[in-house]
Amino acid sequence: VYVAVLPALLDRLVGAAFFIKLILSAVVLAPL
């Protein structure tokens, strides 16, 4: 799922605030 979804998601959110990026990183990496 990550291989299919993450590139597009990360491209869209690359300009987000740093705190949002940290939260997204936690949401993506913690279950794995």
Full PDB file with SEQRES, HELIX, SHEET, SSBOND, CRYST1, ORIGX, SCALE, CONECT and MASTER records, all heavy atoms in Angstrom:
SEQRES   1 A   32  VAL TYR VAL ALA VAL LEU PRO ALA LEU LEU ASP ARG LEU          
SEQRES   2 A   32  VAL GLY ALA ALA PHE PHE ILE LYS LEU ILE LEU SER ALA          
SEQRES   3 A   32  VAL VAL LEU ALA PRO LEU                                      
HELIX    1 AA1 TYR A    2  LEU A   13  1                                  12    
HELIX    2 AA2 PHE A   18  LEU A   29  1                                  12    
CRYST1    1.000    1.000    1.000  90.00  90.00  90.00 P 1           1          
ORIGX1      1.000000  0.000000  0.000000        0.00000                         
ORIGX2      0.000000  1.000000  0.000000        0.00000                         
ORIGX3      0.000000  0.000000  1.000000        0.00000                         
SCALE1      1.000000  0.000000  0.000000        0.00000                         
SCALE2      0.000000  1.000000  0.000000        0.00000                         
SCALE3      0.000000  0.000000  1.000000        0.00000                         
ATOM      1  N   VAL A   1       0.835  -1.202   0.000  1.00  0.00           N  
ATOM      2  CA  VAL A   1       0.000   0.000   0.000  1.00  0.00           C  
ATOM      3  C   VAL A   1       0.868   1.250   0.000  1.00  0.00           C  
ATOM      4  O   VAL A   1       0.593   2.218  -0.727  1.00  0.00           O  
ATOM      5  CB  VAL A   1      -0.965  -0.012   1.207  1.00  0.00           C  
ATOM      6  CG1 VAL A   1      -1.661   1.326   1.384  1.00  0.00           C  
ATOM      7  CG2 VAL A   1      -1.986  -1.131   1.059  1.00  0.00           C  
ATOM      8  N   TYR A   2       1.934   1.246   0.792  1.00  0.00           N  
ATOM      9  CA  TYR A   2       2.823   2.406   0.869  1.00  0.00           C  
ATOM     10  C   TYR A   2       3.470   2.701  -0.478  1.00  0.00           C  
ATOM     11  O   TYR A   2       3.598   3.856  -0.872  1.00  0.00           O  
ATOM     12  CB  TYR A   2       3.909   2.199   1.918  1.00  0.00           C  
ATOM     13  CG  TYR A   2       3.430   2.294   3.353  1.00  0.00           C  
ATOM     14  CD1 TYR A   2       2.103   2.549   3.671  1.00  0.00           C  
ATOM     15  CD2 TYR A   2       4.309   2.109   4.390  1.00  0.00           C  
ATOM     16  CE1 TYR A   2       1.682   2.629   4.980  1.00  0.00           C  
ATOM     17  CE2 TYR A   2       3.905   2.186   5.716  1.00  0.00           C  
ATOM     18  CZ  TYR A   2       2.578   2.446   6.003  1.00  0.00           C  
ATOM     19  OH  TYR A   2       2.164   2.531   7.297  1.00  0.00           O  
ATOM     20  N   VAL A   3       3.889   1.674  -1.184  1.00  0.00           N  
ATOM     21  CA  VAL A   3       4.529   1.868  -2.489  1.00  0.00           C  
ATOM     22  C   VAL A   3       3.540   2.502  -3.465  1.00  0.00           C  
ATOM     23  O   VAL A   3       3.910   3.356  -4.276  1.00  0.00           O  
ATOM     24  CB  VAL A   3       5.071   0.527  -3.038  1.00  0.00           C  
ATOM     25  CG1 VAL A   3       5.408   0.614  -4.513  1.00  0.00           C  
ATOM     26  CG2 VAL A   3       6.283   0.092  -2.241  1.00  0.00           C  
ATOM     27  N   ALA A   4       2.279   2.134  -3.361  1.00  0.00           N  
ATOM     28  CA  ALA A   4       1.277   2.663  -4.283  1.00  0.00           C  
ATOM     29  C   ALA A   4       0.797   4.065  -3.893  1.00  0.00           C  
ATOM     30  O   ALA A   4       0.545   4.894  -4.759  1.00  0.00           O  
ATOM     31  CB  ALA A   4       0.078   1.714  -4.347  1.00  0.00           C  
ATOM     32  N   VAL A   5       0.693   4.347  -2.603  1.00  0.00           N  
ATOM     33  CA  VAL A   5       0.024   5.567  -2.138  1.00  0.00           C  
ATOM     34  C   VAL A   5       0.995   6.666  -1.722  1.00  0.00           C  
ATOM     35  O   VAL A   5       0.741   7.851  -1.971  1.00  0.00           O  
ATOM     36  CB  VAL A   5      -0.924   5.219  -0.967  1.00  0.00           C  
ATOM     37  CG1 VAL A   5      -1.517   6.449  -0.345  1.00  0.00           C  
ATOM     38  CG2 VAL A   5      -2.014   4.278  -1.441  1.00  0.00           C  
ATOM     39  N   LEU A   6       2.100   6.309  -1.084  1.00  0.00           N  
ATOM     40  CA  LEU A   6       2.964   7.329  -0.483  1.00  0.00           C  
ATOM     41  C   LEU A   6       3.578   8.344  -1.448  1.00  0.00           C  
ATOM     42  O   LEU A   6       3.646   9.518  -1.099  1.00  0.00           O  
ATOM     43  CB  LEU A   6       4.063   6.671   0.338  1.00  0.00           C  
ATOM     44  CG  LEU A   6       3.689   6.317   1.762  1.00  0.00           C  
ATOM     45  CD1 LEU A   6       4.872   5.749   2.512  1.00  0.00           C  
ATOM     46  CD2 LEU A   6       3.129   7.507   2.503  1.00  0.00           C  
ATOM     47  N   PRO A   7       4.046   7.973  -2.622  1.00  0.00           N  
ATOM     48  CA  PRO A   7       4.644   9.000  -3.480  1.00  0.00           C  
ATOM     49  C   PRO A   7       3.700  10.166  -3.772  1.00  0.00           C  
ATOM     50  O   PRO A   7       4.088  11.326  -3.660  1.00  0.00           O  
ATOM     51  CB  PRO A   7       5.019   8.237  -4.754  1.00  0.00           C  
ATOM     52  CG  PRO A   7       5.237   6.843  -4.294  1.00  0.00           C  
ATOM     53  CD  PRO A   7       4.222   6.631  -3.200  1.00  0.00           C  
ATOM     54  N   ALA A   8       2.467   9.874  -4.112  1.00  0.00           N  
ATOM     55  CA  ALA A   8       1.505  10.938  -4.405  1.00  0.00           C  
ATOM     56  C   ALA A   8       1.169  11.738  -3.152  1.00  0.00           C  
ATOM     57  O   ALA A   8       1.077  12.971  -3.193  1.00  0.00           O  
ATOM     58  CB  ALA A   8       0.240  10.354  -5.008  1.00  0.00           C  
ATOM     59  N   LEU A   9       1.004  11.051  -2.027  1.00  0.00           N  
ATOM     60  CA  LEU A   9       0.671  11.726  -0.771  1.00  0.00           C  
ATOM     61  C   LEU A   9       1.802  12.643  -0.320  1.00  0.00           C  
ATOM     62  O   LEU A   9       1.568  13.791   0.076  1.00  0.00           O  
ATOM     63  CB  LEU A   9       0.365  10.689   0.313  1.00  0.00           C  
ATOM     64  CG  LEU A   9      -0.028  11.244   1.673  1.00  0.00           C  
ATOM     65  CD1 LEU A   9      -1.341  11.986   1.594  1.00  0.00           C  
ATOM     66  CD2 LEU A   9      -0.097  10.115   2.690  1.00  0.00           C  
ATOM     67  N   LEU A  10       3.024  12.157  -0.391  1.00  0.00           N  
ATOM     68  CA  LEU A  10       4.163  12.970   0.030  1.00  0.00           C  
ATOM     69  C   LEU A  10       4.383  14.164  -0.901  1.00  0.00           C  
ATOM     70  O   LEU A  10       4.773  15.236  -0.449  1.00  0.00           O  
ATOM     71  CB  LEU A  10       5.421  12.110   0.125  1.00  0.00           C  
ATOM     72  CG  LEU A  10       5.398  11.002   1.181  1.00  0.00           C  
ATOM     73  CD1 LEU A  10       6.704  10.227   1.167  1.00  0.00           C  
ATOM     74  CD2 LEU A  10       5.107  11.552   2.555  1.00  0.00           C  
ATOM     75  N   ASP A  11       4.129  13.979  -2.187  1.00  0.00           N  
ATOM     76  CA  ASP A  11       4.245  15.100  -3.128  1.00  0.00           C  
ATOM     77  C   ASP A  11       3.245  16.201  -2.795  1.00  0.00           C  
ATOM     78  O   ASP A  11       3.564  17.387  -2.881  1.00  0.00           O  
ATOM     79  CB  ASP A  11       4.030  14.630  -4.565  1.00  0.00           C  
ATOM     80  CG  ASP A  11       5.252  13.951  -5.150  1.00  0.00           C  
ATOM     81  OD1 ASP A  11       6.357  14.111  -4.575  1.00  0.00           O  
ATOM     82  OD2 ASP A  11       5.101  13.263  -6.181  1.00  0.00           O  
ATOM     83  N   ARG A  12       2.043  15.817  -2.423  1.00  0.00           N  
ATOM     84  CA  ARG A  12       1.020  16.807  -2.083  1.00  0.00           C  
ATOM     85  C   ARG A  12       1.326  17.540  -0.788  1.00  0.00           C  
ATOM     86  O   ARG A  12       0.971  18.700  -0.634  1.00  0.00           O  
ATOM     87  CB  ARG A  12      -0.338  16.129  -1.950  1.00  0.00           C  
ATOM     88  CG  ARG A  12      -0.953  15.784  -3.264  1.00  0.00           C  
ATOM     89  CD  ARG A  12      -2.391  15.371  -3.104  1.00  0.00           C  
ATOM     90  NE  ARG A  12      -2.808  14.663  -4.291  1.00  0.00           N  
ATOM     91  CZ  ARG A  12      -3.554  13.593  -4.297  1.00  0.00           C  
ATOM     92  NH1 ARG A  12      -4.009  13.104  -3.182  1.00  0.00           N  
ATOM     93  NH2 ARG A  12      -3.869  13.014  -5.431  1.00  0.00           N  
ATOM     94  N   LEU A  13       1.945  16.853   0.162  1.00  0.00           N  
ATOM     95  CA  LEU A  13       2.144  17.432   1.491  1.00  0.00           C  
ATOM     96  C   LEU A  13       3.560  17.944   1.733  1.00  0.00           C  
ATOM     97  O   LEU A  13       3.897  18.283   2.864  1.00  0.00           O  
ATOM     98  CB  LEU A  13       1.775  16.402   2.557  1.00  0.00           C  
ATOM     99  CG  LEU A  13       0.304  15.999   2.573  1.00  0.00           C  
ATOM    100  CD1 LEU A  13       0.076  14.867   3.551  1.00  0.00           C  
ATOM    101  CD2 LEU A  13      -0.568  17.188   2.913  1.00  0.00           C  
ATOM    102  N   VAL A  14       4.387  18.019   0.715  1.00  0.00           N  
ATOM    103  CA  VAL A  14       5.764  18.451   0.902  1.00  0.00           C  
ATOM    104  C   VAL A  14       5.852  19.901   1.378  1.00  0.00           C  
ATOM    105  O   VAL A  14       6.797  20.285   2.060  1.00  0.00           O  
ATOM    106  CB  VAL A  14       6.602  18.211  -0.377  1.00  0.00           C  
ATOM    107  CG1 VAL A  14       6.289  19.239  -1.444  1.00  0.00           C  
ATOM    108  CG2 VAL A  14       8.075  18.162  -0.059  1.00  0.00           C  
ATOM    109  N   GLY A  15       4.843  20.709   1.093  1.00  0.00           N  
ATOM    110  CA  GLY A  15       4.855  22.099   1.518  1.00  0.00           C  
ATOM    111  C   GLY A  15       4.146  22.345   2.833  1.00  0.00           C  
ATOM    112  O   GLY A  15       4.007  23.488   3.255  1.00  0.00           O  
ATOM    113  N   ALA A  16       3.707  21.295   3.499  1.00  0.00           N  
ATOM    114  CA  ALA A  16       2.974  21.446   4.764  1.00  0.00           C  
ATOM    115  C   ALA A  16       3.916  21.900   5.871  1.00  0.00           C  
ATOM    116  O   ALA A  16       5.144  21.855   5.741  1.00  0.00           O  
ATOM    117  CB  ALA A  16       2.314  20.122   5.136  1.00  0.00           C  
ATOM    118  N   ALA A  17       3.318  22.309   6.968  1.00  0.00           N  
ATOM    119  CA  ALA A  17       4.106  22.724   8.136  1.00  0.00           C  
ATOM    120  C   ALA A  17       4.890  21.531   8.682  1.00  0.00           C  
ATOM    121  O   ALA A  17       4.465  20.379   8.542  1.00  0.00           O  
ATOM    122  CB  ALA A  17       3.181  23.285   9.206  1.00  0.00           C  
ATOM    123  N   PHE A  18       6.018  21.826   9.314  1.00  0.00           N  
ATOM    124  CA  PHE A  18       6.894  20.756   9.811  1.00  0.00           C  
ATOM    125  C   PHE A  18       6.180  19.860  10.817  1.00  0.00           C  
ATOM    126  O   PHE A  18       6.353  18.635  10.808  1.00  0.00           O  
ATOM    127  CB  PHE A  18       8.164  21.356  10.423  1.00  0.00           C  
ATOM    128  CG  PHE A  18       9.178  20.328  10.816  1.00  0.00           C  
ATOM    129  CD1 PHE A  18       9.843  19.598   9.854  1.00  0.00           C  
ATOM    130  CD2 PHE A  18       9.447  20.083  12.146  1.00  0.00           C  
ATOM    131  CE1 PHE A  18      10.771  18.642  10.198  1.00  0.00           C  
ATOM    132  CE2 PHE A  18      10.375  19.124  12.509  1.00  0.00           C  
ATOM    133  CZ  PHE A  18      11.050  18.401  11.531  1.00  0.00           C  
ATOM    134  N   PHE A  19       5.361  20.444  11.681  1.00  0.00           N  
ATOM    135  CA  PHE A  19       4.639  19.645  12.677  1.00  0.00           C  
ATOM    136  C   PHE A  19       3.695  18.662  11.992  1.00  0.00           C  
ATOM    137  O   PHE A  19       3.581  17.506  12.421  1.00  0.00           O  
ATOM    138  CB  PHE A  19       3.871  20.567  13.633  1.00  0.00           C  
ATOM    139  CG  PHE A  19       3.154  19.823  14.716  1.00  0.00           C  
ATOM    140  CD1 PHE A  19       3.858  19.255  15.764  1.00  0.00           C  
ATOM    141  CD2 PHE A  19       1.777  19.671  14.673  1.00  0.00           C  
ATOM    142  CE1 PHE A  19       3.202  18.554  16.760  1.00  0.00           C  
ATOM    143  CE2 PHE A  19       1.117  18.969  15.669  1.00  0.00           C  
ATOM    144  CZ  PHE A  19       1.837  18.416  16.713  1.00  0.00           C  
ATOM    145  N   ILE A  20       3.023  19.093  10.938  1.00  0.00           N  
ATOM    146  CA  ILE A  20       2.128  18.203  10.182  1.00  0.00           C  
ATOM    147  C   ILE A  20       2.931  17.067   9.553  1.00  0.00           C  
ATOM    148  O   ILE A  20       2.493  15.915   9.531  1.00  0.00           O  
ATOM    149  CB  ILE A  20       1.354  18.995   9.107  1.00  0.00           C  
ATOM    150  CG1 ILE A  20       0.513  20.101   9.741  1.00  0.00           C  
ATOM    151  CG2 ILE A  20       0.508  18.080   8.238  1.00  0.00           C  
ATOM    152  CD1 ILE A  20      -0.539  19.609  10.705  1.00  0.00           C  
ATOM    153  N   LYS A  21       4.114  17.383   9.053  1.00  0.00           N  
ATOM    154  CA  LYS A  21       4.978  16.351   8.465  1.00  0.00           C  
ATOM    155  C   LYS A  21       5.404  15.330   9.523  1.00  0.00           C  
ATOM    156  O   LYS A  21       5.475  14.133   9.244  1.00  0.00           O  
ATOM    157  CB  LYS A  21       6.212  16.983   7.827  1.00  0.00           C  
ATOM    158  CG  LYS A  21       5.924  17.784   6.597  1.00  0.00           C  
ATOM    159  CD  LYS A  21       7.212  18.381   6.076  1.00  0.00           C  
ATOM    160  CE  LYS A  21       7.012  19.269   4.903  1.00  0.00           C  
ATOM    161  NZ  LYS A  21       8.273  19.836   4.418  1.00  0.00           N  
ATOM    162  N   LEU A  22       5.684  15.793  10.730  1.00  0.00           N  
ATOM    163  CA  LEU A  22       6.048  14.868  11.809  1.00  0.00           C  
ATOM    164  C   LEU A  22       4.885  13.947  12.161  1.00  0.00           C  
ATOM    165  O   LEU A  22       5.078  12.744  12.356  1.00  0.00           O  
ATOM    166  CB  LEU A  22       6.498  15.643  13.045  1.00  0.00           C  
ATOM    167  CG  LEU A  22       7.825  16.362  12.958  1.00  0.00           C  
ATOM    168  CD1 LEU A  22       8.088  17.140  14.251  1.00  0.00           C  
ATOM    169  CD2 LEU A  22       8.950  15.393  12.690  1.00  0.00           C  
ATOM    170  N   ILE A  23       3.697  14.513  12.263  1.00  0.00           N  
ATOM    171  CA  ILE A  23       2.515  13.712  12.566  1.00  0.00           C  
ATOM    172  C   ILE A  23       2.269  12.683  11.465  1.00  0.00           C  
ATOM    173  O   ILE A  23       2.011  11.507  11.744  1.00  0.00           O  
ATOM    174  CB  ILE A  23       1.274  14.618  12.761  1.00  0.00           C  
ATOM    175  CG1 ILE A  23       1.469  15.558  13.948  1.00  0.00           C  
ATOM    176  CG2 ILE A  23       0.005  13.785  12.917  1.00  0.00           C  
ATOM    177  CD1 ILE A  23       1.657  14.855  15.275  1.00  0.00           C  
ATOM    178  N   LEU A  24       2.356  13.100  10.207  1.00  0.00           N  
ATOM    179  CA  LEU A  24       2.163  12.169   9.093  1.00  0.00           C  
ATOM    180  C   LEU A  24       3.227  11.075   9.103  1.00  0.00           C  
ATOM    181  O   LEU A  24       2.920   9.902   8.862  1.00  0.00           O  
ATOM    182  CB  LEU A  24       2.179  12.913   7.765  1.00  0.00           C  
ATOM    183  CG  LEU A  24       1.980  12.029   6.532  1.00  0.00           C  
ATOM    184  CD1 LEU A  24       0.602  11.391   6.563  1.00  0.00           C  
ATOM    185  CD2 LEU A  24       2.186  12.816   5.271  1.00  0.00           C  
ATOM    186  N   SER A  25       4.456  11.440   9.407  1.00  0.00           N  
ATOM    187  CA  SER A  25       5.527  10.437   9.500  1.00  0.00           C  
ATOM    188  C   SER A  25       5.202   9.410  10.570  1.00  0.00           C  
ATOM    189  O   SER A  25       5.401   8.204  10.366  1.00  0.00           O  
ATOM    190  CB  SER A  25       6.858  11.111   9.811  1.00  0.00           C  
ATOM    191  OG  SER A  25       7.232  11.988   8.788  1.00  0.00           O  
ATOM    192  N   ALA A  26       4.694   9.867  11.704  1.00  0.00           N  
ATOM    193  CA  ALA A  26       4.327   8.943  12.778  1.00  0.00           C  
ATOM    194  C   ALA A  26       3.177   8.041  12.360  1.00  0.00           C  
ATOM    195  O   ALA A  26       3.191   6.832  12.627  1.00  0.00           O  
ATOM    196  CB  ALA A  26       3.966   9.723  14.038  1.00  0.00           C  
ATOM    197  N   VAL A  27       2.187   8.605  11.684  1.00  0.00           N  
ATOM    198  CA  VAL A  27       1.031   7.815  11.242  1.00  0.00           C  
ATOM    199  C   VAL A  27       1.449   6.760  10.224  1.00  0.00           C  
ATOM    200  O   VAL A  27       0.926   5.642  10.213  1.00  0.00           O  
ATOM    201  CB  VAL A  27      -0.062   8.747  10.667  1.00  0.00           C  
ATOM    202  CG1 VAL A  27      -1.132   7.976   9.920  1.00  0.00           C  
ATOM    203  CG2 VAL A  27      -0.674   9.580  11.781  1.00  0.00           C  
ATOM    204  N   VAL A  28       2.410   7.095   9.383  1.00  0.00           N  
ATOM    205  CA  VAL A  28       2.857   6.167   8.345  1.00  0.00           C  
ATOM    206  C   VAL A  28       3.805   5.108   8.918  1.00  0.00           C  
ATOM    207  O   VAL A  28       3.685   3.914   8.608  1.00  0.00           O  
ATOM    208  CB  VAL A  28       3.537   6.938   7.192  1.00  0.00           C  
ATOM    209  CG1 VAL A  28       4.273   6.001   6.265  1.00  0.00           C  
ATOM    210  CG2 VAL A  28       2.505   7.737   6.435  1.00  0.00           C  
ATOM    211  N   LEU A  29       4.747   5.510   9.769  1.00  0.00           N  
ATOM    212  CA  LEU A  29       5.794   4.588  10.219  1.00  0.00           C  
ATOM    213  C   LEU A  29       5.419   3.755  11.443  1.00  0.00           C  
ATOM    214  O   LEU A  29       5.908   2.636  11.590  1.00  0.00           O  
ATOM    215  CB  LEU A  29       7.082   5.362  10.507  1.00  0.00           C  
ATOM    216  CG  LEU A  29       7.762   5.974   9.296  1.00  0.00           C  
ATOM    217  CD1 LEU A  29       8.943   6.822   9.727  1.00  0.00           C  
ATOM    218  CD2 LEU A  29       8.204   4.898   8.328  1.00  0.00           C  
ATOM    219  N   ALA A  30       4.595   4.277  12.325  1.00  0.00           N  
ATOM    220  CA  ALA A  30       4.297   3.564  13.571  1.00  0.00           C  
ATOM    221  C   ALA A  30       3.618   2.201  13.353  1.00  0.00           C  
ATOM    222  O   ALA A  30       4.033   1.214  13.963  1.00  0.00           O  
ATOM    223  CB  ALA A  30       3.474   4.436  14.507  1.00  0.00           C  
ATOM    224  N   PRO A  31       2.592   2.089  12.500  1.00  0.00           N  
ATOM    225  CA  PRO A  31       1.996   0.756  12.311  1.00  0.00           C  
ATOM    226  C   PRO A  31       2.980  -0.259  11.741  1.00  0.00           C  
ATOM    227  O   PRO A  31       2.998  -1.426  12.145  1.00  0.00           O  
ATOM    228  CB  PRO A  31       0.850   1.005  11.333  1.00  0.00           C  
ATOM    229  CG  PRO A  31       0.557   2.444  11.421  1.00  0.00           C  
ATOM    230  CD  PRO A  31       1.848   3.117  11.768  1.00  0.00           C  
ATOM    231  N   LEU A  32       3.813   0.197  10.818  1.00  0.00           N  
ATOM    232  CA  LEU A  32       4.801  -0.703  10.230  1.00  0.00           C  
ATOM    233  C   LEU A  32       5.830  -1.133  11.275  1.00  0.00           C  
ATOM    234  O   LEU A  32       6.170  -2.314  11.383  1.00  0.00           O  
ATOM    235  CB  LEU A  32       5.484  -0.009   9.050  1.00  0.00           C  
ATOM    236  CG  LEU A  32       6.308  -0.860   8.118  1.00  0.00           C  
ATOM    237  CD1 LEU A  32       5.459  -1.952   7.498  1.00  0.00           C  
ATOM    238  CD2 LEU A  32       6.913   0.009   7.037  1.00  0.00           C  
TER     239      LEU A  32                                                      
MASTER        0    0    0    2    0    0    0    6  238    1    0    3          
END                                                                             
